[in-house]
Amino acid sequence: MEKAGKGYKVLPSWRWPLLLKHSRKIDLWFPEIAPSPSLSRKYRRNKISWDDLALNYKRELKSAAAAELLKPLALLSLRKQLVLLCDCKAKIRCPNRILAACLNELRENNDFVMKSK
């Protein structure tokens, strides 16, 4: 489990990590911005490589629906430090790194405007 530290703690996962049950406060459980359940399942079962997971997760995050969820989070990150929680064994191959890069890109581009319906 990654050290949470100070900041707004976000858990982008479809599964609630057992280690979080008693150990940490979560400010936002946000499974909708995690890799899709089918993509995560394929990776956990070694049916796809890390590179395939990363490529497909980036595609998921670039979708219009995901962008509408990510923009408010990127805007919040201008005011509060975000801490993306995970229970990955290999921190180098953590989907949160991909998510953090996507949030950084939105911030750098000042892309916070939501699409009106």
N, C-alpha and C. Protein backbone atom coordinates (compact mmCIF):
# COMPACT_ATOMS: atom_id res chain seq x y z
N MET A 1 0.84 -1.18 0.00
CA MET A 1 0.00 0.00 0.00
C MET A 1 0.88 1.23 0.00
N GLU A 2 0.58 2.15 -0.85
CA GLU A 2 1.37 3.37 -0.96
C GLU A 2 1.11 4.25 0.26
N LYS A 3 2.14 4.98 0.71
CA LYS A 3 1.99 5.88 1.85
C LYS A 3 1.10 7.04 1.44
N ALA A 4 0.06 7.27 2.23
CA ALA A 4 -0.93 8.27 1.85
C ALA A 4 -0.44 9.70 2.07
N GLY A 5 0.19 9.97 3.18
CA GLY A 5 0.63 11.33 3.44
C GLY A 5 -0.53 12.30 3.54
N LYS A 6 -0.21 13.58 3.39
CA LYS A 6 -1.26 14.60 3.46
C LYS A 6 -1.82 14.82 2.08
N GLY A 7 -3.06 15.20 2.03
CA GLY A 7 -3.70 15.48 0.76
C GLY A 7 -5.07 14.84 0.70
N TYR A 8 -5.73 15.07 -0.42
CA TYR A 8 -7.07 14.54 -0.68
C TYR A 8 -6.89 13.13 -1.23
N LYS A 9 -7.30 12.14 -0.47
CA LYS A 9 -7.03 10.74 -0.80
C LYS A 9 -8.12 10.17 -1.71
N VAL A 10 -7.69 9.75 -2.91
CA VAL A 10 -8.59 9.22 -3.93
C VAL A 10 -8.22 7.76 -4.19
N LEU A 11 -9.22 6.91 -4.17
CA LEU A 11 -9.01 5.49 -4.48
C LEU A 11 -9.65 5.18 -5.82
N PRO A 12 -8.85 5.17 -6.91
CA PRO A 12 -9.40 4.84 -8.23
C PRO A 12 -9.31 3.33 -8.49
N SER A 13 -10.23 2.59 -7.92
CA SER A 13 -10.19 1.12 -8.04
C SER A 13 -11.59 0.57 -7.94
N TRP A 14 -11.84 -0.50 -8.69
CA TRP A 14 -13.13 -1.17 -8.61
C TRP A 14 -13.19 -2.07 -7.39
N ARG A 15 -12.02 -2.45 -6.90
CA ARG A 15 -11.95 -3.31 -5.71
C ARG A 15 -11.48 -2.48 -4.52
N TRP A 16 -12.10 -2.72 -3.39
CA TRP A 16 -11.68 -2.03 -2.17
C TRP A 16 -10.53 -2.84 -1.57
N PRO A 17 -9.31 -2.28 -1.53
CA PRO A 17 -8.17 -3.03 -1.00
C PRO A 17 -8.37 -3.39 0.47
N LEU A 18 -8.08 -4.62 0.78
CA LEU A 18 -8.25 -5.09 2.15
C LEU A 18 -7.40 -4.30 3.14
N LEU A 19 -6.23 -3.87 2.71
CA LEU A 19 -5.35 -3.13 3.61
C LEU A 19 -5.90 -1.77 3.99
N LEU A 20 -6.85 -1.25 3.23
CA LEU A 20 -7.42 0.06 3.55
C LEU A 20 -8.55 -0.04 4.56
N LYS A 21 -9.02 -1.25 4.82
CA LYS A 21 -10.19 -1.44 5.66
C LYS A 21 -10.09 -0.69 6.99
N HIS A 22 -8.97 -0.81 7.63
CA HIS A 22 -8.83 -0.19 8.95
C HIS A 22 -7.72 0.85 9.03
N SER A 23 -6.95 0.98 7.98
CA SER A 23 -5.72 1.76 8.13
C SER A 23 -5.80 3.21 7.66
N ARG A 24 -6.67 3.53 6.73
CA ARG A 24 -6.63 4.88 6.16
C ARG A 24 -8.01 5.45 5.90
N LYS A 25 -8.06 6.73 5.99
CA LYS A 25 -9.27 7.45 5.60
C LYS A 25 -9.20 7.70 4.10
N ILE A 26 -10.31 7.49 3.44
CA ILE A 26 -10.42 7.75 2.00
C ILE A 26 -11.37 8.93 1.83
N ASP A 27 -10.96 9.93 1.07
CA ASP A 27 -11.84 11.06 0.82
C ASP A 27 -12.79 10.78 -0.35
N LEU A 28 -12.32 10.02 -1.33
CA LEU A 28 -13.14 9.74 -2.50
C LEU A 28 -12.81 8.37 -3.06
N TRP A 29 -13.80 7.49 -3.10
CA TRP A 29 -13.67 6.21 -3.79
C TRP A 29 -14.23 6.45 -5.18
N PHE A 30 -13.41 6.31 -6.21
CA PHE A 30 -13.78 6.72 -7.56
C PHE A 30 -13.47 5.61 -8.55
N PRO A 31 -14.23 4.50 -8.52
CA PRO A 31 -13.92 3.37 -9.41
C PRO A 31 -14.09 3.69 -10.89
N GLU A 32 -14.89 4.68 -11.21
CA GLU A 32 -15.16 4.99 -12.62
C GLU A 32 -13.92 5.47 -13.38
N ILE A 33 -12.89 5.92 -12.67
CA ILE A 33 -11.67 6.37 -13.35
C ILE A 33 -10.55 5.34 -13.28
N ALA A 34 -10.85 4.18 -12.76
CA ALA A 34 -9.89 3.07 -12.73
C ALA A 34 -9.93 2.34 -14.07
N PRO A 35 -8.92 1.52 -14.33
CA PRO A 35 -9.03 0.67 -15.53
C PRO A 35 -10.32 -0.14 -15.44
N SER A 36 -10.95 -0.37 -16.58
CA SER A 36 -12.21 -1.12 -16.58
C SER A 36 -12.01 -2.48 -15.91
N PRO A 37 -13.08 -3.02 -15.31
CA PRO A 37 -12.95 -4.32 -14.64
C PRO A 37 -12.41 -5.42 -15.56
N SER A 38 -12.86 -5.43 -16.81
CA SER A 38 -12.38 -6.48 -17.72
C SER A 38 -10.89 -6.30 -18.03
N LEU A 39 -10.44 -5.07 -18.20
CA LEU A 39 -9.03 -4.80 -18.46
C LEU A 39 -8.18 -5.19 -17.25
N SER A 40 -8.63 -4.82 -16.07
CA SER A 40 -7.90 -5.17 -14.85
C SER A 40 -7.82 -6.68 -14.67
N ARG A 41 -8.93 -7.33 -14.92
CA ARG A 41 -8.99 -8.80 -14.76
C ARG A 41 -8.01 -9.48 -15.71
N LYS A 42 -7.97 -9.04 -16.95
CA LYS A 42 -7.05 -9.63 -17.93
C LYS A 42 -5.60 -9.46 -17.49
N TYR A 43 -5.29 -8.28 -16.95
CA TYR A 43 -3.92 -8.04 -16.50
C TYR A 43 -3.57 -8.89 -15.28
N ARG A 44 -4.47 -8.93 -14.31
CA ARG A 44 -4.21 -9.73 -13.11
C ARG A 44 -4.04 -11.21 -13.43
N ARG A 45 -4.71 -11.67 -14.46
CA ARG A 45 -4.63 -13.09 -14.85
C ARG A 45 -3.54 -13.33 -15.89
N ASN A 46 -2.69 -12.34 -16.12
CA ASN A 46 -1.57 -12.44 -17.06
C ASN A 46 -2.00 -12.76 -18.49
N LYS A 47 -3.18 -12.29 -18.87
CA LYS A 47 -3.65 -12.50 -20.25
C LYS A 47 -3.22 -11.36 -21.17
N ILE A 48 -2.82 -10.23 -20.57
CA ILE A 48 -2.25 -9.12 -21.34
C ILE A 48 -1.02 -8.61 -20.59
N SER A 49 -0.14 -7.96 -21.33
CA SER A 49 1.08 -7.42 -20.75
C SER A 49 0.81 -6.05 -20.11
N TRP A 50 1.80 -5.56 -19.37
CA TRP A 50 1.69 -4.22 -18.81
C TRP A 50 1.53 -3.19 -19.92
N ASP A 51 2.29 -3.35 -20.99
CA ASP A 51 2.20 -2.40 -22.11
C ASP A 51 0.79 -2.37 -22.71
N ASP A 52 0.16 -3.54 -22.82
CA ASP A 52 -1.22 -3.60 -23.33
C ASP A 52 -2.19 -2.94 -22.36
N LEU A 53 -2.00 -3.19 -21.08
CA LEU A 53 -2.86 -2.55 -20.08
C LEU A 53 -2.71 -1.04 -20.17
N ALA A 54 -1.47 -0.56 -20.21
CA ALA A 54 -1.21 0.88 -20.25
C ALA A 54 -1.84 1.52 -21.49
N LEU A 55 -1.65 0.90 -22.64
CA LEU A 55 -2.21 1.43 -23.88
C LEU A 55 -3.74 1.50 -23.83
N ASN A 56 -4.37 0.43 -23.37
CA ASN A 56 -5.83 0.40 -23.31
C ASN A 56 -6.39 1.31 -22.23
N TYR A 57 -5.70 1.42 -21.10
CA TYR A 57 -6.15 2.31 -20.04
C TYR A 57 -6.07 3.77 -20.50
N LYS A 58 -5.00 4.11 -21.22
CA LYS A 58 -4.89 5.47 -21.77
C LYS A 58 -6.06 5.76 -22.70
N ARG A 59 -6.42 4.78 -23.50
CA ARG A 59 -7.58 4.96 -24.41
C ARG A 59 -8.85 5.19 -23.60
N GLU A 60 -9.02 4.40 -22.53
CA GLU A 60 -10.21 4.58 -21.68
C GLU A 60 -10.24 5.99 -21.09
N LEU A 61 -9.10 6.47 -20.63
CA LEU A 61 -9.05 7.80 -20.01
C LEU A 61 -9.26 8.93 -21.01
N LYS A 62 -8.98 8.67 -22.28
CA LYS A 62 -9.17 9.69 -23.32
C LYS A 62 -10.61 9.75 -23.83
N SER A 63 -11.44 8.81 -23.40
CA SER A 63 -12.84 8.82 -23.86
C SER A 63 -13.56 10.06 -23.33
N ALA A 64 -14.60 10.46 -24.02
CA ALA A 64 -15.36 11.65 -23.61
C ALA A 64 -15.96 11.47 -22.22
N ALA A 65 -16.46 10.28 -21.93
CA ALA A 65 -17.08 10.02 -20.62
C ALA A 65 -16.05 10.15 -19.50
N ALA A 66 -14.87 9.60 -19.72
CA ALA A 66 -13.82 9.68 -18.70
C ALA A 66 -13.34 11.12 -18.51
N ALA A 67 -13.23 11.85 -19.61
CA ALA A 67 -12.78 13.24 -19.52
C ALA A 67 -13.72 14.06 -18.65
N GLU A 68 -15.00 13.81 -18.76
CA GLU A 68 -15.98 14.55 -17.95
C GLU A 68 -15.83 14.23 -16.46
N LEU A 69 -15.31 13.05 -16.15
CA LEU A 69 -15.07 12.69 -14.75
C LEU A 69 -13.72 13.22 -14.27
N LEU A 70 -12.75 13.25 -15.15
CA LEU A 70 -11.40 13.66 -14.77
C LEU A 70 -11.22 15.16 -14.63
N LYS A 71 -11.94 15.94 -15.42
CA LYS A 71 -11.76 17.39 -15.39
C LYS A 71 -12.00 18.00 -14.00
N PRO A 72 -13.09 17.64 -13.31
CA PRO A 72 -13.27 18.21 -11.97
C PRO A 72 -12.16 17.79 -11.00
N LEU A 73 -11.67 16.57 -11.16
CA LEU A 73 -10.58 16.09 -10.30
C LEU A 73 -9.29 16.86 -10.60
N ALA A 74 -9.02 17.10 -11.87
CA ALA A 74 -7.85 17.89 -12.25
C ALA A 74 -7.95 19.32 -11.71
N LEU A 75 -9.14 19.88 -11.77
CA LEU A 75 -9.36 21.23 -11.23
C LEU A 75 -9.16 21.24 -9.72
N LEU A 76 -9.68 20.25 -9.04
CA LEU A 76 -9.49 20.14 -7.59
C LEU A 76 -8.01 20.06 -7.24
N SER A 77 -7.24 19.38 -8.09
CA SER A 77 -5.82 19.20 -7.80
C SER A 77 -5.03 20.51 -7.85
N LEU A 78 -5.62 21.56 -8.40
CA LEU A 78 -4.97 22.87 -8.37
C LEU A 78 -5.02 23.46 -6.96
N ARG A 79 -6.03 23.09 -6.20
CA ARG A 79 -6.23 23.63 -4.85
C ARG A 79 -5.76 22.69 -3.75
N LYS A 80 -5.89 21.39 -4.00
CA LYS A 80 -5.53 20.39 -3.00
C LYS A 80 -4.58 19.37 -3.61
N GLN A 81 -3.66 18.91 -2.80
CA GLN A 81 -2.78 17.85 -3.26
C GLN A 81 -3.59 16.55 -3.33
N LEU A 82 -3.54 15.88 -4.47
CA LEU A 82 -4.22 14.60 -4.61
C LEU A 82 -3.26 13.48 -4.26
N VAL A 83 -3.76 12.50 -3.54
CA VAL A 83 -2.99 11.29 -3.24
C VAL A 83 -3.79 10.14 -3.84
N LEU A 84 -3.24 9.53 -4.89
CA LEU A 84 -3.90 8.40 -5.54
C LEU A 84 -3.47 7.13 -4.83
N LEU A 85 -4.42 6.49 -4.16
CA LEU A 85 -4.12 5.29 -3.39
C LEU A 85 -4.19 4.05 -4.26
N CYS A 86 -3.39 3.06 -3.92
CA CYS A 86 -3.43 1.80 -4.64
C CYS A 86 -2.92 0.68 -3.74
N ASP A 87 -3.06 -0.54 -4.23
CA ASP A 87 -2.49 -1.68 -3.52
C ASP A 87 -1.63 -2.51 -4.46
N CYS A 88 -1.03 -1.83 -5.43
CA CYS A 88 -0.17 -2.50 -6.41
C CYS A 88 1.09 -3.02 -5.73
N LYS A 89 1.48 -4.20 -6.15
CA LYS A 89 2.73 -4.76 -5.63
C LYS A 89 3.93 -4.09 -6.30
N ALA A 90 3.81 -3.83 -7.59
CA ALA A 90 4.89 -3.21 -8.35
C ALA A 90 4.53 -1.75 -8.61
N LYS A 91 5.09 -0.84 -7.83
CA LYS A 91 4.75 0.58 -7.95
C LYS A 91 5.11 1.14 -9.32
N ILE A 92 6.11 0.58 -9.97
CA ILE A 92 6.51 1.06 -11.30
C ILE A 92 5.41 0.76 -12.31
N ARG A 93 4.71 -0.34 -12.11
CA ARG A 93 3.64 -0.72 -13.03
C ARG A 93 2.28 -0.55 -12.37
N CYS A 94 2.03 0.64 -11.95
CA CYS A 94 0.77 0.97 -11.28
C CYS A 94 -0.08 1.82 -12.22
N PRO A 95 -1.34 1.45 -12.44
CA PRO A 95 -2.21 2.28 -13.29
C PRO A 95 -2.35 3.72 -12.81
N ASN A 96 -2.11 3.95 -11.53
CA ASN A 96 -2.21 5.32 -11.01
C ASN A 96 -1.18 6.25 -11.65
N ARG A 97 -0.08 5.70 -12.10
CA ARG A 97 0.92 6.53 -12.80
C ARG A 97 0.34 7.06 -14.11
N ILE A 98 -0.42 6.21 -14.79
CA ILE A 98 -1.07 6.61 -16.04
C ILE A 98 -2.14 7.64 -15.76
N LEU A 99 -2.92 7.41 -14.71
CA LEU A 99 -3.97 8.35 -14.31
C LEU A 99 -3.37 9.69 -13.92
N ALA A 100 -2.29 9.67 -13.15
CA ALA A 100 -1.64 10.92 -12.74
C ALA A 100 -1.13 11.70 -13.95
N ALA A 101 -0.58 11.00 -14.93
CA ALA A 101 -0.10 11.68 -16.15
C ALA A 101 -1.26 12.32 -16.90
N CYS A 102 -2.40 11.65 -16.94
CA CYS A 102 -3.58 12.19 -17.61
C CYS A 102 -4.08 13.44 -16.87
N LEU A 103 -4.12 13.40 -15.55
CA LEU A 103 -4.53 14.57 -14.76
C LEU A 103 -3.56 15.73 -14.96
N ASN A 104 -2.26 15.42 -15.00
CA ASN A 104 -1.25 16.46 -15.24
C ASN A 104 -1.45 17.11 -16.60
N GLU A 105 -1.76 16.29 -17.60
CA GLU A 105 -1.99 16.82 -18.95
C GLU A 105 -3.19 17.77 -18.97
N LEU A 106 -4.26 17.39 -18.29
CA LEU A 106 -5.43 18.27 -18.22
C LEU A 106 -5.08 19.59 -17.54
N ARG A 107 -4.31 19.52 -16.45
CA ARG A 107 -3.90 20.74 -15.74
C ARG A 107 -3.02 21.62 -16.61
N GLU A 108 -2.04 21.00 -17.27
CA GLU A 108 -1.11 21.77 -18.10
C GLU A 108 -1.83 22.47 -19.25
N ASN A 109 -2.88 21.83 -19.77
CA ASN A 109 -3.64 22.40 -20.88
C ASN A 109 -4.81 23.27 -20.41
N ASN A 110 -4.94 23.44 -19.09
CA ASN A 110 -6.07 24.18 -18.52
C ASN A 110 -7.39 23.68 -19.11
N ASP A 111 -7.51 22.39 -19.23
CA ASP A 111 -8.69 21.77 -19.84
C ASP A 111 -9.65 21.33 -18.73
N PHE A 112 -10.45 22.29 -18.25
CA PHE A 112 -11.37 22.01 -17.17
C PHE A 112 -12.83 22.20 -17.55
N VAL A 113 -13.08 22.65 -18.76
CA VAL A 113 -14.43 22.97 -19.18
C VAL A 113 -15.21 21.69 -19.45
N MET A 114 -16.37 21.59 -18.82
CA MET A 114 -17.24 20.43 -19.00
C MET A 114 -18.13 20.68 -20.22
N LYS A 115 -18.46 19.62 -20.90
CA LYS A 115 -19.36 19.72 -22.06
C LYS A 115 -20.79 19.89 -21.55
N SER A 116 -21.52 20.82 -22.12
CA SER A 116 -22.93 21.00 -21.72
C SER A 116 -23.79 20.00 -22.47
N LYS A 117 -24.85 19.61 -21.84
CA LYS A 117 -25.75 18.60 -22.45
C LYS A 117 -26.91 19.24 -23.12
